[in-house]
Amino acid sequence: MNVLLYLIPIALFLGGLGLVGFIWSLRSGQYDDLEGAAWRILQDDDKPRP
């Protein structure tokens, strides 16, 4: 049972770290253009080599 004294704070810290990372990604615009990459891969803009 003593190991819970270590594991609970570590789990809370890692959960908070994940939450901070998620909030950072929201504020930095990581999720602004969700469909852009899906359409970009379909575009055939490769130029033929001479």
PDB file of N, CA and C in Angstrom:
ATOM      1  N   MET A   1       0.807  -1.205   0.000  1.00  0.00           N
ATOM      2  CA  MET A   1       0.000   0.000   0.000  1.00  0.00           C
ATOM      3  C   MET A   1       0.847   1.264   0.000  1.00  0.00           C
ATOM      4  N   ASN A   2       2.078   1.135   0.464  1.00  0.00           N
ATOM      5  CA  ASN A   2       2.936   2.315   0.488  1.00  0.00           C
ATOM      6  C   ASN A   2       3.313   2.770  -0.910  1.00  0.00           C
ATOM      7  N   VAL A   3       3.267   1.857  -1.863  1.00  0.00           N
ATOM      8  CA  VAL A   3       3.639   2.221  -3.230  1.00  0.00           C
ATOM      9  C   VAL A   3       2.611   3.181  -3.836  1.00  0.00           C
ATOM     10  N   LEU A   4       1.382   3.177  -3.320  1.00  0.00           N
ATOM     11  CA  LEU A   4       0.365   4.106  -3.807  1.00  0.00           C
ATOM     12  C   LEU A   4       0.712   5.553  -3.472  1.00  0.00           C
ATOM     13  N   LEU A   5       1.479   5.745  -2.414  1.00  0.00           N
ATOM     14  CA  LEU A   5       1.912   7.097  -2.063  1.00  0.00           C
ATOM     15  C   LEU A   5       2.839   7.681  -3.133  1.00  0.00           C
ATOM     16  N   TYR A   6       3.486   6.823  -3.896  1.00  0.00           N
ATOM     17  CA  TYR A   6       4.346   7.276  -4.985  1.00  0.00           C
ATOM     18  C   TYR A   6       3.608   7.303  -6.316  1.00  0.00           C
ATOM     19  N   LEU A   7       2.777   6.297  -6.554  1.00  0.00           N
ATOM     20  CA  LEU A   7       2.139   6.149  -7.860  1.00  0.00           C
ATOM     21  C   LEU A   7       1.044   7.182  -8.119  1.00  0.00           C
ATOM     22  N   ILE A   8       0.287   7.540  -7.116  1.00  0.00           N
ATOM     23  CA  ILE A   8      -0.807   8.506  -7.317  1.00  0.00           C
ATOM     24  C   ILE A   8      -0.271   9.888  -7.694  1.00  0.00           C
ATOM     25  N   PRO A   9       0.729  10.441  -6.996  1.00  0.00           N
ATOM     26  CA  PRO A   9       1.260  11.739  -7.441  1.00  0.00           C
ATOM     27  C   PRO A   9       1.923  11.679  -8.818  1.00  0.00           C
ATOM     28  N   ILE A  10       2.596  10.577  -9.118  1.00  0.00           N
ATOM     29  CA  ILE A  10       3.216  10.438 -10.438  1.00  0.00           C
ATOM     30  C   ILE A  10       2.144  10.405 -11.518  1.00  0.00           C
ATOM     31  N   ALA A  11       1.053   9.671 -11.280  1.00  0.00           N
ATOM     32  CA  ALA A  11      -0.034   9.597 -12.255  1.00  0.00           C
ATOM     33  C   ALA A  11      -0.705  10.955 -12.429  1.00  0.00           C
ATOM     34  N   LEU A  12      -0.906  11.686 -11.353  1.00  0.00           N
ATOM     35  CA  LEU A  12      -1.497  13.019 -11.443  1.00  0.00           C
ATOM     36  C   LEU A  12      -0.578  13.980 -12.196  1.00  0.00           C
ATOM     37  N   PHE A  13       0.717  13.869 -11.962  1.00  0.00           N
ATOM     38  CA  PHE A  13       1.671  14.724 -12.663  1.00  0.00           C
ATOM     39  C   PHE A  13       1.676  14.433 -14.165  1.00  0.00           C
ATOM     40  N   LEU A  14       1.693  13.152 -14.527  1.00  0.00           N
ATOM     41  CA  LEU A  14       1.700  12.792 -15.943  1.00  0.00           C
ATOM     42  C   LEU A  14       0.385  13.179 -16.622  1.00  0.00           C
ATOM     43  N   GLY A  15      -0.730  13.038 -15.918  1.00  0.00           N
ATOM     44  CA  GLY A  15      -2.012  13.478 -16.470  1.00  0.00           C
ATOM     45  C   GLY A  15      -2.053  14.976 -16.671  1.00  0.00           C
ATOM     46  N   GLY A  16      -1.526  15.723 -15.723  1.00  0.00           N
ATOM     47  CA  GLY A  16      -1.456  17.181 -15.862  1.00  0.00           C
ATOM     48  C   GLY A  16      -0.523  17.591 -16.993  1.00  0.00           C
ATOM     49  N   LEU A  17       0.568  16.865 -17.160  1.00  0.00           N
ATOM     50  CA  LEU A  17       1.492  17.143 -18.249  1.00  0.00           C
ATOM     51  C   LEU A  17       0.824  16.904 -19.603  1.00  0.00           C
ATOM     52  N   GLY A  18       0.043  15.838 -19.701  1.00  0.00           N
ATOM     53  CA  GLY A  18      -0.697  15.583 -20.933  1.00  0.00           C
ATOM     54  C   GLY A  18      -1.741  16.653 -21.195  1.00  0.00           C
ATOM     55  N   LEU A  19      -2.405  17.117 -20.161  1.00  0.00           N
ATOM     56  CA  LEU A  19      -3.396  18.177 -20.310  1.00  0.00           C
ATOM     57  C   LEU A  19      -2.756  19.485 -20.760  1.00  0.00           C
ATOM     58  N   VAL A  20      -1.614  19.808 -20.202  1.00  0.00           N
ATOM     59  CA  VAL A  20      -0.892  21.012 -20.613  1.00  0.00           C
ATOM     60  C   VAL A  20      -0.465  20.893 -22.074  1.00  0.00           C
ATOM     61  N   GLY A  21      -0.002  19.731 -22.482  1.00  0.00           N
ATOM     62  CA  GLY A  21       0.380  19.528 -23.875  1.00  0.00           C
ATOM     63  C   GLY A  21      -0.798  19.654 -24.813  1.00  0.00           C
ATOM     64  N   PHE A  22      -1.950  19.145 -24.415  1.00  0.00           N
ATOM     65  CA  PHE A  22      -3.151  19.246 -25.235  1.00  0.00           C
ATOM     66  C   PHE A  22      -3.610  20.693 -25.358  1.00  0.00           C
ATOM     67  N   ILE A  23      -3.605  21.434 -24.256  1.00  0.00           N
ATOM     68  CA  ILE A  23      -4.011  22.843 -24.291  1.00  0.00           C
ATOM     69  C   ILE A  23      -3.031  23.652 -25.133  1.00  0.00           C
ATOM     70  N   TRP A  24      -1.734  23.334 -25.041  1.00  0.00           N
ATOM     71  CA  TRP A  24      -0.751  24.020 -25.884  1.00  0.00           C
ATOM     72  C   TRP A  24      -1.029  23.765 -27.367  1.00  0.00           C
ATOM     73  N   SER A  25      -1.362  22.517 -27.711  1.00  0.00           N
ATOM     74  CA  SER A  25      -1.622  22.213 -29.117  1.00  0.00           C
ATOM     75  C   SER A  25      -2.888  22.908 -29.612  1.00  0.00           C
ATOM     76  N   LEU A  26      -3.875  23.084 -28.765  1.00  0.00           N
ATOM     77  CA  LEU A  26      -5.072  23.823 -29.154  1.00  0.00           C
ATOM     78  C   LEU A  26      -4.754  25.294 -29.405  1.00  0.00           C
ATOM     79  N   ARG A  27      -3.968  25.891 -28.523  1.00  0.00           N
ATOM     80  CA  ARG A  27      -3.665  27.319 -28.651  1.00  0.00           C
ATOM     81  C   ARG A  27      -2.707  27.621 -29.792  1.00  0.00           C
ATOM     82  N   SER A  28      -1.888  26.642 -30.170  1.00  0.00           N
ATOM     83  CA  SER A  28      -0.919  26.905 -31.240  1.00  0.00           C
ATOM     84  C   SER A  28      -1.489  26.598 -32.623  1.00  0.00           C
ATOM     85  N   GLY A  29      -2.751  26.158 -32.693  1.00  0.00           N
ATOM     86  CA  GLY A  29      -3.410  25.984 -33.983  1.00  0.00           C
ATOM     87  C   GLY A  29      -3.165  24.647 -34.644  1.00  0.00           C
ATOM     88  N   GLN A  30      -2.869  23.624 -33.884  1.00  0.00           N
ATOM     89  CA  GLN A  30      -2.608  22.311 -34.464  1.00  0.00           C
ATOM     90  C   GLN A  30      -3.851  21.688 -35.085  1.00  0.00           C
ATOM     91  N   TYR A  31      -5.026  22.070 -34.632  1.00  0.00           N
ATOM     92  CA  TYR A  31      -6.268  21.451 -35.096  1.00  0.00           C
ATOM     93  C   TYR A  31      -7.099  22.391 -35.968  1.00  0.00           C
ATOM     94  N   ASP A  32      -6.490  23.434 -36.513  1.00  0.00           N
ATOM     95  CA  ASP A  32      -7.249  24.404 -37.298  1.00  0.00           C
ATOM     96  C   ASP A  32      -7.692  23.852 -38.646  1.00  0.00           C
ATOM     97  N   ASP A  33      -6.827  23.149 -39.354  1.00  0.00           N
ATOM     98  CA  ASP A  33      -7.119  22.673 -40.700  1.00  0.00           C
ATOM     99  C   ASP A  33      -7.099  21.151 -40.705  1.00  0.00           C
ATOM    100  N   LEU A  34      -8.209  20.528 -40.315  1.00  0.00           N
ATOM    101  CA  LEU A  34      -8.249  19.076 -40.218  1.00  0.00           C
ATOM    102  C   LEU A  34      -8.376  18.392 -41.573  1.00  0.00           C
ATOM    103  N   GLU A  35      -8.996  19.041 -42.536  1.00  0.00           N
ATOM    104  CA  GLU A  35      -9.207  18.397 -43.818  1.00  0.00           C
ATOM    105  C   GLU A  35      -8.181  18.806 -44.866  1.00  0.00           C
ATOM    106  N   GLY A  36      -7.347  19.755 -44.569  1.00  0.00           N
ATOM    107  CA  GLY A  36      -6.357  20.227 -45.530  1.00  0.00           C
ATOM    108  C   GLY A  36      -5.361  19.146 -45.919  1.00  0.00           C
ATOM    109  N   ALA A  37      -4.876  18.405 -44.950  1.00  0.00           N
ATOM    110  CA  ALA A  37      -3.902  17.357 -45.248  1.00  0.00           C
ATOM    111  C   ALA A  37      -4.536  16.225 -46.041  1.00  0.00           C
ATOM    112  N   ALA A  38      -5.803  15.947 -45.792  1.00  0.00           N
ATOM    113  CA  ALA A  38      -6.483  14.881 -46.528  1.00  0.00           C
ATOM    114  C   ALA A  38      -6.633  15.245 -47.997  1.00  0.00           C
ATOM    115  N   TRP A  39      -6.894  16.509 -48.293  1.00  0.00           N
ATOM    116  CA  TRP A  39      -7.020  16.934 -49.689  1.00  0.00           C
ATOM    117  C   TRP A  39      -5.655  17.154 -50.332  1.00  0.00           C
ATOM    118  N   ARG A  40      -4.692  17.569 -49.545  1.00  0.00           N
ATOM    119  CA  ARG A  40      -3.364  17.851 -50.076  1.00  0.00           C
ATOM    120  C   ARG A  40      -2.690  16.595 -50.610  1.00  0.00           C
ATOM    121  N   ILE A  41      -2.944  15.454 -49.987  1.00  0.00           N
ATOM    122  CA  ILE A  41      -2.312  14.220 -50.433  1.00  0.00           C
ATOM    123  C   ILE A  41      -2.885  13.748 -51.767  1.00  0.00           C
ATOM    124  N   LEU A  42      -4.093  14.183 -52.086  1.00  0.00           N
ATOM    125  CA  LEU A  42      -4.728  13.775 -53.342  1.00  0.00           C
ATOM    126  C   LEU A  42      -4.307  14.638 -54.520  1.00  0.00           C
ATOM    127  N   GLN A  43      -3.731  15.790 -54.270  1.00  0.00           N
ATOM    128  CA  GLN A  43      -3.333  16.669 -55.355  1.00  0.00           C
ATOM    129  C   GLN A  43      -2.104  16.098 -56.072  1.00  0.00           C
ATOM    130  N   ASP A  44      -2.173  16.121 -57.381  1.00  0.00           N
ATOM    131  CA  ASP A  44      -1.067  15.614 -58.175  1.00  0.00           C
ATOM    132  C   ASP A  44      -0.284  16.791 -58.730  1.00  0.00           C
ATOM    133  N   ASP A  45       0.604  17.324 -57.927  1.00  0.00           N
ATOM    134  CA  ASP A  45       1.361  18.482 -58.360  1.00  0.00           C
ATOM    135  C   ASP A  45       2.814  18.131 -58.673  1.00  0.00           C
ATOM    136  N   ASP A  46       3.087  16.852 -58.872  1.00  0.00           N
ATOM    137  CA  ASP A  46       4.435  16.449 -59.228  1.00  0.00           C
ATOM    138  C   ASP A  46       4.703  16.799 -60.688  1.00  0.00           C
ATOM    139  N   LYS A  47       5.840  17.406 -60.923  1.00  0.00           N
ATOM    140  CA  LYS A  47       6.205  17.779 -62.283  1.00  0.00           C
ATOM    141  C   LYS A  47       7.013  16.627 -62.897  1.00  0.00           C
ATOM    142  N   PRO A  48       6.720  16.242 -64.115  1.00  0.00           N
ATOM    143  CA  PRO A  48       7.484  15.159 -64.735  1.00  0.00           C
ATOM    144  C   PRO A  48       8.936  15.594 -64.973  1.00  0.00           C
ATOM    145  N   ARG A  49       9.818  14.665 -64.793  1.00  0.00           N
ATOM    146  CA  ARG A  49      11.244  14.956 -65.000  1.00  0.00           C
ATOM    147  C   ARG A  49      11.572  14.897 -66.482  1.00  0.00           C
ATOM    148  N   PRO A  50      12.421  15.789 -66.945  1.00  0.00           N
ATOM    149  CA  PRO A  50      12.780  15.787 -68.392  1.00  0.00           C
ATOM    150  C   PRO A  50      13.691  14.631 -68.765  1.00  0.00           C
TER     151      PRO A  50
END
